[in-house]
Full PDB file with SEQRES, HELIX, SHEET, SSBOND, CRYST1, ORIGX, SCALE, CONECT and MASTER records, all heavy atoms in Angstrom:
SEQRES   1 A   36  ALA ALA ASP ARG VAL GLY PRO MET ALA ASP ARG LEU ALA          
SEQRES   2 A   36  SER TYR GLY ILE GLU GLU THR VAL GLN HIS ASP ASP LEU          
SEQRES   3 A   36  HIS ASP GLY GLN VAL PHE VAL THR PRO ASP                      
HELIX    1 AA1 ALA A    2  ALA A   13  1                                  12    
CRYST1    1.000    1.000    1.000  90.00  90.00  90.00 P 1           1          
ORIGX1      1.000000  0.000000  0.000000        0.00000                         
ORIGX2      0.000000  1.000000  0.000000        0.00000                         
ORIGX3      0.000000  0.000000  1.000000        0.00000                         
SCALE1      1.000000  0.000000  0.000000        0.00000                         
SCALE2      0.000000  1.000000  0.000000        0.00000                         
SCALE3      0.000000  0.000000  1.000000        0.00000                         
ATOM      1  N   ALA A   1      23.694  -3.781  -9.104  1.00  0.00           N  
ATOM      2  CA  ALA A   1      23.048  -4.009  -7.812  1.00  0.00           C  
ATOM      3  C   ALA A   1      22.251  -5.296  -7.772  1.00  0.00           C  
ATOM      4  O   ALA A   1      21.819  -5.726  -6.687  1.00  0.00           O  
ATOM      5  CB  ALA A   1      22.141  -2.833  -7.464  1.00  0.00           C  
ATOM      6  N   ALA A   2      22.061  -5.931  -8.908  1.00  0.00           N  
ATOM      7  CA  ALA A   2      21.325  -7.203  -8.935  1.00  0.00           C  
ATOM      8  C   ALA A   2      21.958  -8.232  -8.009  1.00  0.00           C  
ATOM      9  O   ALA A   2      21.259  -9.064  -7.409  1.00  0.00           O  
ATOM     10  CB  ALA A   2      21.252  -7.739 -10.369  1.00  0.00           C  
ATOM     11  N   ASP A   3      23.285  -8.168  -7.864  1.00  0.00           N  
ATOM     12  CA  ASP A   3      23.973  -9.132  -7.006  1.00  0.00           C  
ATOM     13  C   ASP A   3      23.684  -8.910  -5.519  1.00  0.00           C  
ATOM     14  O   ASP A   3      23.957  -9.786  -4.695  1.00  0.00           O  
ATOM     15  CB  ASP A   3      25.488  -9.041  -7.240  1.00  0.00           C  
ATOM     16  CG  ASP A   3      25.889  -9.530  -8.620  1.00  0.00           C  
ATOM     17  OD1 ASP A   3      25.118 -10.310  -9.215  1.00  0.00           O  
ATOM     18  OD2 ASP A   3      26.959  -9.110  -9.109  1.00  0.00           O  
ATOM     19  N   ARG A   4      23.143  -7.759  -5.172  1.00  0.00           N  
ATOM     20  CA  ARG A   4      22.872  -7.458  -3.764  1.00  0.00           C  
ATOM     21  C   ARG A   4      21.477  -7.905  -3.332  1.00  0.00           C  
ATOM     22  O   ARG A   4      21.209  -8.025  -2.131  1.00  0.00           O  
ATOM     23  CB  ARG A   4      23.023  -5.947  -3.535  1.00  0.00           C  
ATOM     24  CG  ARG A   4      24.442  -5.446  -3.782  1.00  0.00           C  
ATOM     25  CD  ARG A   4      24.487  -3.953  -4.044  1.00  0.00           C  
ATOM     26  NE  ARG A   4      23.885  -3.172  -2.963  1.00  0.00           N  
ATOM     27  CZ  ARG A   4      23.686  -1.845  -3.033  1.00  0.00           C  
ATOM     28  NH1 ARG A   4      24.051  -1.189  -4.129  1.00  0.00           N  
ATOM     29  NH2 ARG A   4      23.145  -1.197  -2.033  1.00  0.00           N  
ATOM     30  N   VAL A   5      20.598  -8.134  -4.292  1.00  0.00           N  
ATOM     31  CA  VAL A   5      19.206  -8.427  -3.949  1.00  0.00           C  
ATOM     32  C   VAL A   5      19.085  -9.770  -3.238  1.00  0.00           C  
ATOM     33  O   VAL A   5      18.420  -9.881  -2.196  1.00  0.00           O  
ATOM     34  CB  VAL A   5      18.320  -8.404  -5.201  1.00  0.00           C  
ATOM     35  CG1 VAL A   5      16.875  -8.766  -4.845  1.00  0.00           C  
ATOM     36  CG2 VAL A   5      18.368  -7.027  -5.867  1.00  0.00           C  
ATOM     37  N   GLY A   6      19.706 -10.790  -3.776  1.00  0.00           N  
ATOM     38  CA  GLY A   6      19.601 -12.128  -3.197  1.00  0.00           C  
ATOM     39  C   GLY A   6      20.050 -12.210  -1.757  1.00  0.00           C  
ATOM     40  O   GLY A   6      19.313 -12.701  -0.888  1.00  0.00           O  
ATOM     41  N   PRO A   7      21.269 -11.738  -1.423  1.00  0.00           N  
ATOM     42  CA  PRO A   7      21.711 -11.789  -0.022  1.00  0.00           C  
ATOM     43  C   PRO A   7      20.805 -10.992   0.924  1.00  0.00           C  
ATOM     44  O   PRO A   7      20.553 -11.422   2.061  1.00  0.00           O  
ATOM     45  CB  PRO A   7      23.118 -11.188  -0.084  1.00  0.00           C  
ATOM     46  CG  PRO A   7      23.588 -11.497  -1.472  1.00  0.00           C  
ATOM     47  CD  PRO A   7      22.362 -11.361  -2.341  1.00  0.00           C  
ATOM     48  N   MET A   8      20.318  -9.847   0.468  1.00  0.00           N  
ATOM     49  CA  MET A   8      19.422  -9.064   1.316  1.00  0.00           C  
ATOM     50  C   MET A   8      18.104  -9.803   1.536  1.00  0.00           C  
ATOM     51  O   MET A   8      17.557  -9.823   2.646  1.00  0.00           O  
ATOM     52  CB  MET A   8      19.166  -7.694   0.686  1.00  0.00           C  
ATOM     53  CG  MET A   8      20.382  -6.782   0.689  1.00  0.00           C  
ATOM     54  SD  MET A   8      20.086  -5.207  -0.175  1.00  0.00           S  
ATOM     55  CE  MET A   8      18.900  -4.442   0.937  1.00  0.00           C  
ATOM     56  N   ALA A   9      17.590 -10.423   0.477  1.00  0.00           N  
ATOM     57  CA  ALA A   9      16.343 -11.182   0.594  1.00  0.00           C  
ATOM     58  C   ALA A   9      16.528 -12.378   1.529  1.00  0.00           C  
ATOM     59  O   ALA A   9      15.644 -12.690   2.341  1.00  0.00           O  
ATOM     60  CB  ALA A   9      15.870 -11.641  -0.775  1.00  0.00           C  
ATOM     61  N   ASP A  10      17.676 -13.050   1.436  1.00  0.00           N  
ATOM     62  CA  ASP A  10      17.944 -14.181   2.324  1.00  0.00           C  
ATOM     63  C   ASP A  10      18.005 -13.730   3.785  1.00  0.00           C  
ATOM     64  O   ASP A  10      17.517 -14.428   4.681  1.00  0.00           O  
ATOM     65  CB  ASP A  10      19.262 -14.856   1.942  1.00  0.00           C  
ATOM     66  CG  ASP A  10      19.174 -15.595   0.617  1.00  0.00           C  
ATOM     67  OD1 ASP A  10      18.046 -15.860   0.153  1.00  0.00           O  
ATOM     68  OD2 ASP A  10      20.241 -15.901   0.040  1.00  0.00           O  
ATOM     69  N   ARG A  11      18.619 -12.577   4.004  1.00  0.00           N  
ATOM     70  CA  ARG A  11      18.714 -12.056   5.376  1.00  0.00           C  
ATOM     71  C   ARG A  11      17.326 -11.738   5.917  1.00  0.00           C  
ATOM     72  O   ARG A  11      17.014 -12.048   7.075  1.00  0.00           O  
ATOM     73  CB  ARG A  11      19.586 -10.805   5.371  1.00  0.00           C  
ATOM     74  CG  ARG A  11      19.835 -10.210   6.744  1.00  0.00           C  
ATOM     75  CD  ARG A  11      20.776  -9.041   6.610  1.00  0.00           C  
ATOM     76  NE  ARG A  11      20.744  -8.171   7.784  1.00  0.00           N  
ATOM     77  CZ  ARG A  11      21.207  -6.933   7.797  1.00  0.00           C  
ATOM     78  NH1 ARG A  11      21.739  -6.418   6.676  1.00  0.00           N  
ATOM     79  NH2 ARG A  11      21.151  -6.205   8.884  1.00  0.00           N  
ATOM     80  N   LEU A  12      16.473 -11.146   5.098  1.00  0.00           N  
ATOM     81  CA  LEU A  12      15.119 -10.840   5.542  1.00  0.00           C  
ATOM     82  C   LEU A  12      14.335 -12.126   5.799  1.00  0.00           C  
ATOM     83  O   LEU A  12      13.606 -12.235   6.794  1.00  0.00           O  
ATOM     84  CB  LEU A  12      14.412  -9.976   4.503  1.00  0.00           C  
ATOM     85  CG  LEU A  12      12.965  -9.569   4.813  1.00  0.00           C  
ATOM     86  CD1 LEU A  12      12.860  -8.871   6.160  1.00  0.00           C  
ATOM     87  CD2 LEU A  12      12.418  -8.670   3.700  1.00  0.00           C  
ATOM     88  N   ALA A  13      14.511 -13.113   4.941  1.00  0.00           N  
ATOM     89  CA  ALA A  13      13.801 -14.384   5.103  1.00  0.00           C  
ATOM     90  C   ALA A  13      14.200 -15.087   6.397  1.00  0.00           C  
ATOM     91  O   ALA A  13      13.400 -15.836   6.979  1.00  0.00           O  
ATOM     92  CB  ALA A  13      14.071 -15.290   3.905  1.00  0.00           C  
ATOM     93  N   SER A  14      15.409 -14.841   6.866  1.00  0.00           N  
ATOM     94  CA  SER A  14      15.901 -15.532   8.061  1.00  0.00           C  
ATOM     95  C   SER A  14      15.112 -15.166   9.321  1.00  0.00           C  
ATOM     96  O   SER A  14      15.185 -15.879  10.324  1.00  0.00           O  
ATOM     97  CB  SER A  14      17.386 -15.222   8.279  1.00  0.00           C  
ATOM     98  OG  SER A  14      17.588 -13.874   8.697  1.00  0.00           O  
ATOM     99  N   TYR A  15      14.338 -14.096   9.277  1.00  0.00           N  
ATOM    100  CA  TYR A  15      13.536 -13.709  10.436  1.00  0.00           C  
ATOM    101  C   TYR A  15      12.278 -14.560  10.565  1.00  0.00           C  
ATOM    102  O   TYR A  15      11.601 -14.510  11.592  1.00  0.00           O  
ATOM    103  CB  TYR A  15      13.154 -12.235  10.345  1.00  0.00           C  
ATOM    104  CG  TYR A  15      14.293 -11.298  10.695  1.00  0.00           C  
ATOM    105  CD1 TYR A  15      15.214 -10.911   9.724  1.00  0.00           C  
ATOM    106  CD2 TYR A  15      14.446 -10.820  11.986  1.00  0.00           C  
ATOM    107  CE1 TYR A  15      16.262 -10.057  10.036  1.00  0.00           C  
ATOM    108  CE2 TYR A  15      15.493  -9.964  12.303  1.00  0.00           C  
ATOM    109  CZ  TYR A  15      16.398  -9.595  11.323  1.00  0.00           C  
ATOM    110  OH  TYR A  15      17.444  -8.757  11.643  1.00  0.00           O  
ATOM    111  N   GLY A  16      11.949 -15.317   9.519  1.00  0.00           N  
ATOM    112  CA  GLY A  16      10.842 -16.256   9.601  1.00  0.00           C  
ATOM    113  C   GLY A  16       9.450 -15.644   9.539  1.00  0.00           C  
ATOM    114  O   GLY A  16       8.481 -16.281   9.956  1.00  0.00           O  
ATOM    115  N   ILE A  17       9.328 -14.440   9.017  1.00  0.00           N  
ATOM    116  CA  ILE A  17       8.019 -13.806   8.872  1.00  0.00           C  
ATOM    117  C   ILE A  17       7.319 -14.388   7.650  1.00  0.00           C  
ATOM    118  O   ILE A  17       7.854 -14.367   6.546  1.00  0.00           O  
ATOM    119  CB  ILE A  17       8.146 -12.280   8.721  1.00  0.00           C  
ATOM    120  CG1 ILE A  17       8.909 -11.692   9.911  1.00  0.00           C  
ATOM    121  CG2 ILE A  17       6.771 -11.635   8.577  1.00  0.00           C  
ATOM    122  CD1 ILE A  17       8.225 -11.845  11.235  1.00  0.00           C  
ATOM    123  N   GLU A  18       6.126 -14.896   7.839  1.00  0.00           N  
ATOM    124  CA  GLU A  18       5.401 -15.582   6.767  1.00  0.00           C  
ATOM    125  C   GLU A  18       4.946 -14.603   5.690  1.00  0.00           C  
ATOM    126  O   GLU A  18       4.445 -13.505   5.988  1.00  0.00           O  
ATOM    127  CB  GLU A  18       4.187 -16.291   7.367  1.00  0.00           C  
ATOM    128  CG  GLU A  18       3.478 -17.244   6.424  1.00  0.00           C  
ATOM    129  CD  GLU A  18       2.396 -18.026   7.147  1.00  0.00           C  
ATOM    130  OE1 GLU A  18       2.361 -17.988   8.396  1.00  0.00           O  
ATOM    131  OE2 GLU A  18       1.587 -18.674   6.453  1.00  0.00           O  
ATOM    132  N   GLU A  19       5.099 -14.998   4.443  1.00  0.00           N  
ATOM    133  CA  GLU A  19       4.653 -14.157   3.336  1.00  0.00           C  
ATOM    134  C   GLU A  19       3.131 -14.171   3.245  1.00  0.00           C  
ATOM    135  O   GLU A  19       2.478 -15.176   3.546  1.00  0.00           O  
ATOM    136  CB  GLU A  19       5.314 -14.605   2.032  1.00  0.00           C  
ATOM    137  CG  GLU A  19       6.824 -14.339   2.069  1.00  0.00           C  
ATOM    138  CD  GLU A  19       7.561 -14.779   0.825  1.00  0.00           C  
ATOM    139  OE1 GLU A  19       7.284 -15.891   0.350  1.00  0.00           O  
ATOM    140  OE2 GLU A  19       8.405 -14.026   0.342  1.00  0.00           O  
ATOM    141  N   THR A  20       2.577 -13.048   2.813  1.00  0.00           N  
ATOM    142  CA  THR A  20       1.133 -12.873   2.822  1.00  0.00           C  
ATOM    143  C   THR A  20       0.764 -11.804   1.800  1.00  0.00           C  
ATOM    144  O   THR A  20       1.584 -11.456   0.939  1.00  0.00           O  
ATOM    145  CB  THR A  20       0.658 -12.477   4.245  1.00  0.00           C  
ATOM    146  OG1 THR A  20      -0.758 -12.340   4.257  1.00  0.00           O  
ATOM    147  CG2 THR A  20       1.301 -11.183   4.715  1.00  0.00           C  
ATOM    148  N   VAL A  21      -0.434 -11.255   1.898  1.00  0.00           N  
ATOM    149  CA  VAL A  21      -0.827 -10.189   0.987  1.00  0.00           C  
ATOM    150  C   VAL A  21      -0.003  -8.939   1.292  1.00  0.00           C  
ATOM    151  O   VAL A  21       0.268  -8.611   2.439  1.00  0.00           O  
ATOM    152  CB  VAL A  21      -2.343  -9.891   1.094  1.00  0.00           C  
ATOM    153  CG1 VAL A  21      -2.706  -9.308   2.450  1.00  0.00           C  
ATOM    154  CG2 VAL A  21      -2.799  -8.976  -0.028  1.00  0.00           C  
ATOM    155  N   GLN A  22       0.421  -8.270   0.240  1.00  0.00           N  
ATOM    156  CA  GLN A  22       1.243  -7.067   0.357  1.00  0.00           C  
ATOM    157  C   GLN A  22       0.658  -6.045  -0.619  1.00  0.00           C  
ATOM    158  O   GLN A  22       0.625  -6.272  -1.816  1.00  0.00           O  
ATOM    159  CB  GLN A  22       2.693  -7.410   0.005  1.00  0.00           C  
ATOM    160  CG  GLN A  22       3.727  -6.383   0.450  1.00  0.00           C  
ATOM    161  CD  GLN A  22       4.016  -5.350  -0.611  1.00  0.00           C  
ATOM    162  OE1 GLN A  22       3.485  -4.252  -0.554  1.00  0.00           O  
ATOM    163  NE2 GLN A  22       4.856  -5.684  -1.597  1.00  0.00           N  
ATOM    164  N   HIS A  23       0.168  -4.935  -0.101  1.00  0.00           N  
ATOM    165  CA  HIS A  23      -0.573  -3.958  -0.909  1.00  0.00           C  
ATOM    166  C   HIS A  23       0.269  -3.406  -2.045  1.00  0.00           C  
ATOM    167  O   HIS A  23      -0.235  -3.173  -3.149  1.00  0.00           O  
ATOM    168  CB  HIS A  23      -1.072  -2.830   0.008  1.00  0.00           C  
ATOM    169  CG  HIS A  23      -2.043  -1.893  -0.626  1.00  0.00           C  
ATOM    170  ND1 HIS A  23      -1.669  -0.942  -1.551  1.00  0.00           N  
ATOM    171  CD2 HIS A  23      -3.384  -1.744  -0.460  1.00  0.00           C  
ATOM    172  CE1 HIS A  23      -2.731  -0.252  -1.928  1.00  0.00           C  
ATOM    173  NE2 HIS A  23      -3.785  -0.726  -1.279  1.00  0.00           N  
ATOM    174  N   ASP A  24       1.530  -3.130  -1.798  1.00  0.00           N  
ATOM    175  CA  ASP A  24       2.552  -2.677  -2.741  1.00  0.00           C  
ATOM    176  C   ASP A  24       2.386  -1.236  -3.208  1.00  0.00           C  
ATOM    177  O   ASP A  24       3.195  -0.756  -3.992  1.00  0.00           O  
ATOM    178  CB  ASP A  24       2.645  -3.603  -3.966  1.00  0.00           C  
ATOM    179  CG  ASP A  24       4.042  -3.608  -4.579  1.00  0.00           C  
ATOM    180  OD1 ASP A  24       5.014  -3.603  -3.801  1.00  0.00           O  
ATOM    181  OD2 ASP A  24       4.168  -3.603  -5.821  1.00  0.00           O  
ATOM    182  N   ASP A  25       1.356  -0.544  -2.761  1.00  0.00           N  
ATOM    183  CA  ASP A  25       1.227   0.876  -3.104  1.00  0.00           C  
ATOM    184  C   ASP A  25       0.430   1.592  -2.011  1.00  0.00           C  
ATOM    185  O   ASP A  25      -0.487   2.364  -2.292  1.00  0.00           O  
ATOM    186  CB  ASP A  25       0.541   1.044  -4.460  1.00  0.00           C  
ATOM    187  CG  ASP A  25       0.728   2.450  -5.033  1.00  0.00           C  
ATOM    188  OD1 ASP A  25       1.700   3.124  -4.657  1.00  0.00           O  
ATOM    189  OD2 ASP A  25      -0.098   2.870  -5.875  1.00  0.00           O  
ATOM    190  N   LEU A  26       0.792   1.333  -0.762  1.00  0.00           N  
ATOM    191  CA  LEU A  26       0.025   1.848   0.367  1.00  0.00           C  
ATOM    192  C   LEU A  26       0.466   3.273   0.685  1.00  0.00           C  
ATOM    193  O   LEU A  26       1.351   3.511   1.497  1.00  0.00           O  
ATOM    194  CB  LEU A  26       0.191   0.945   1.587  1.00  0.00           C  
ATOM    195  CG  LEU A  26      -0.697   1.304   2.780  1.00  0.00           C  
ATOM    196  CD1 LEU A  26      -2.166   1.180   2.422  1.00  0.00           C  
ATOM    197  CD2 LEU A  26      -0.366   0.416   3.973  1.00  0.00           C  
ATOM    198  N   HIS A  27      -0.202   4.219   0.049  1.00  0.00           N  
ATOM    199  CA  HIS A  27       0.070   5.631   0.312  1.00  0.00           C  
ATOM    200  C   HIS A  27      -1.183   6.297   0.872  1.00  0.00           C  
ATOM    201  O   HIS A  27      -2.213   5.650   1.082  1.00  0.00           O  
ATOM    202  CB  HIS A  27       0.575   6.340  -0.946  1.00  0.00           C  
ATOM    203  CG  HIS A  27      -0.329   6.210  -2.136  1.00  0.00           C  
ATOM    204  ND1 HIS A  27      -1.562   6.846  -2.211  1.00  0.00           N  
ATOM    205  CD2 HIS A  27      -0.194   5.525  -3.301  1.00  0.00           C  
ATOM    206  CE1 HIS A  27      -2.131   6.578  -3.371  1.00  0.00           C  
ATOM    207  NE2 HIS A  27      -1.334   5.761  -4.038  1.00  0.00           N  
ATOM    208  N   ASP A  28      -1.113   7.592   1.101  1.00  0.00           N  
ATOM    209  CA  ASP A  28      -2.203   8.289   1.781  1.00  0.00           C  
ATOM    210  C   ASP A  28      -3.426   8.526   0.905  1.00  0.00           C  
ATOM    211  O   ASP A  28      -4.433   9.064   1.372  1.00  0.00           O  
ATOM    212  CB  ASP A  28      -1.710   9.612   2.382  1.00  0.00           C  
ATOM    213  CG  ASP A  28      -0.933  10.456   1.384  1.00  0.00           C  
ATOM    214  OD1 ASP A  28      -0.899  10.110   0.191  1.00  0.00           O  
ATOM    215  OD2 ASP A  28      -0.342  11.471   1.800  1.00  0.00           O  
ATOM    216  N   GLY A  29      -3.356   8.121  -0.348  1.00  0.00           N  
ATOM    217  CA  GLY A  29      -4.533   8.169  -1.198  1.00  0.00           C  
ATOM    218  C   GLY A  29      -5.281   6.850  -1.229  1.00  0.00           C  
ATOM    219  O   GLY A  29      -6.364   6.761  -1.829  1.00  0.00           O  
ATOM    220  N   GLN A  30      -4.731   5.829  -0.570  1.00  0.00           N  
ATOM    221  CA  GLN A  30      -5.361   4.507  -0.511  1.00  0.00           C  
ATOM    222  C   GLN A  30      -5.949   4.211   0.859  1.00  0.00           C  
ATOM    223  O   GLN A  30      -6.583   3.171   1.050  1.00  0.00           O  
ATOM    224  CB  GLN A  30      -4.321   3.412  -0.842  1.00  0.00           C  
ATOM    225  CG  GLN A  30      -3.429   3.693  -2.041  1.00  0.00           C  
ATOM    226  CD  GLN A  30      -4.127   3.492  -3.359  1.00  0.00           C  
ATOM    227  OE1 GLN A  30      -5.310   3.785  -3.491  1.00  0.00           O  
ATOM    228  NE2 GLN A  30      -3.407   2.987  -4.337  1.00  0.00           N  
ATOM    229  N   VAL A  31      -5.719   5.087   1.814  1.00  0.00           N  
ATOM    230  CA  VAL A  31      -6.262   4.940   3.163  1.00  0.00           C  
ATOM    231  C   VAL A  31      -7.395   5.948   3.327  1.00  0.00           C  
ATOM    232  O   VAL A  31      -7.231   7.133   2.993  1.00  0.00           O  
ATOM    233  CB  VAL A  31      -5.187   5.169   4.233  1.00  0.00           C  
ATOM    234  CG1 VAL A  31      -5.782   5.052   5.635  1.00  0.00           C  
ATOM    235  CG2 VAL A  31      -4.032   4.188   4.062  1.00  0.00           C  
ATOM    236  N   PHE A  32      -8.530   5.485   3.859  1.00  0.00           N  
ATOM    237  CA  PHE A  32      -9.711   6.335   3.996  1.00  0.00           C  
ATOM    238  C   PHE A  32     -10.132   6.423   5.449  1.00  0.00           C  
ATOM    239  O   PHE A  32     -10.007   5.467   6.213  1.00  0.00           O  
ATOM    240  CB  PHE A  32     -10.859   5.784   3.143  1.00  0.00           C  
ATOM    241  CG  PHE A  32     -10.626   5.961   1.666  1.00  0.00           C  
ATOM    242  CD1 PHE A  32      -9.741   5.139   0.982  1.00  0.00           C  
ATOM    243  CD2 PHE A  32     -11.280   6.956   0.961  1.00  0.00           C  
ATOM    244  CE1 PHE A  32      -9.511   5.301  -0.377  1.00  0.00           C  
ATOM    245  CE2 PHE A  32     -11.058   7.126  -0.390  1.00  0.00           C  
ATOM    246  CZ  PHE A  32     -10.176   6.301  -1.074  1.00  0.00           C  
ATOM    247  N   VAL A  33     -10.644   7.585   5.824  1.00  0.00           N  
ATOM    248  CA  VAL A  33     -11.073   7.853   7.191  1.00  0.00           C  
ATOM    249  C   VAL A  33     -12.592   7.889   7.214  1.00  0.00           C  
ATOM    250  O   VAL A  33     -13.215   8.737   6.565  1.00  0.00           O  
ATOM    251  CB  VAL A  33     -10.506   9.188   7.698  1.00  0.00           C  
ATOM    252  CG1 VAL A  33     -10.941   9.431   9.146  1.00  0.00           C  
ATOM    253  CG2 VAL A  33      -8.990   9.199   7.582  1.00  0.00           C  
ATOM    254  N   THR A  34     -13.182   6.964   7.950  1.00  0.00           N  
ATOM    255  CA  THR A  34     -14.627   6.871   8.065  1.00  0.00           C  
ATOM    256  C   THR A  34     -15.064   7.353   9.435  1.00  0.00           C  
ATOM    257  O   THR A  34     -14.654   6.776  10.445  1.00  0.00           O  
ATOM    258  CB  THR A  34     -15.104   5.418   7.852  1.00  0.00           C  
ATOM    259  OG1 THR A  34     -14.633   4.966   6.580  1.00  0.00           O  
ATOM    260  CG2 THR A  34     -16.615   5.331   7.882  1.00  0.00           C  
ATOM    261  N   PRO A  35     -15.872   8.383   9.524  1.00  0.00           N  
ATOM    262  CA  PRO A  35     -16.288   8.916  10.827  1.00  0.00           C  
ATOM    263  C   PRO A  35     -17.382   8.069  11.455  1.00  0.00           C  
ATOM    264  O   PRO A  35     -18.558   8.380  11.381  1.00  0.00           O  
ATOM    265  CB  PRO A  35     -16.807  10.313  10.474  1.00  0.00           C  
ATOM    266  CG  PRO A  35     -17.308  10.169   9.075  1.00  0.00           C  
ATOM    267  CD  PRO A  35     -16.411   9.155   8.404  1.00  0.00           C  
ATOM    268  N   ASP A  36     -16.976   6.935  12.047  1.00  0.00           N  
ATOM    269  CA  ASP A  36     -18.002   6.053  12.602  1.00  0.00           C  
ATOM    270  C   ASP A  36     -17.711   5.645  14.037  1.00  0.00           C  
ATOM    271  O   ASP A  36     -17.913   6.415  14.955  1.00  0.00           O  
ATOM    272  CB  ASP A  36     -18.226   4.835  11.698  1.00  0.00           C  
ATOM    273  CG  ASP A  36     -16.935   4.087  11.398  1.00  0.00           C  
ATOM    274  OD1 ASP A  36     -15.900   4.427  11.982  1.00  0.00           O  
ATOM    275  OD2 ASP A  36     -16.964   3.160  10.580  1.00  0.00           O  
TER     276      ASP A  36                                                      
MASTER        0    0    0    1    0    0    0    6  275    1    0    3          
END                                                                             
């Protein structure tokens, strides 16, 4: 599957969305609810 990563990444890059911070583990234990 390594051969599939590059073409998929190129296709995603073609949308022109700028790279930025990416949490990489955003699950429901990392989000907190503050009653304010």
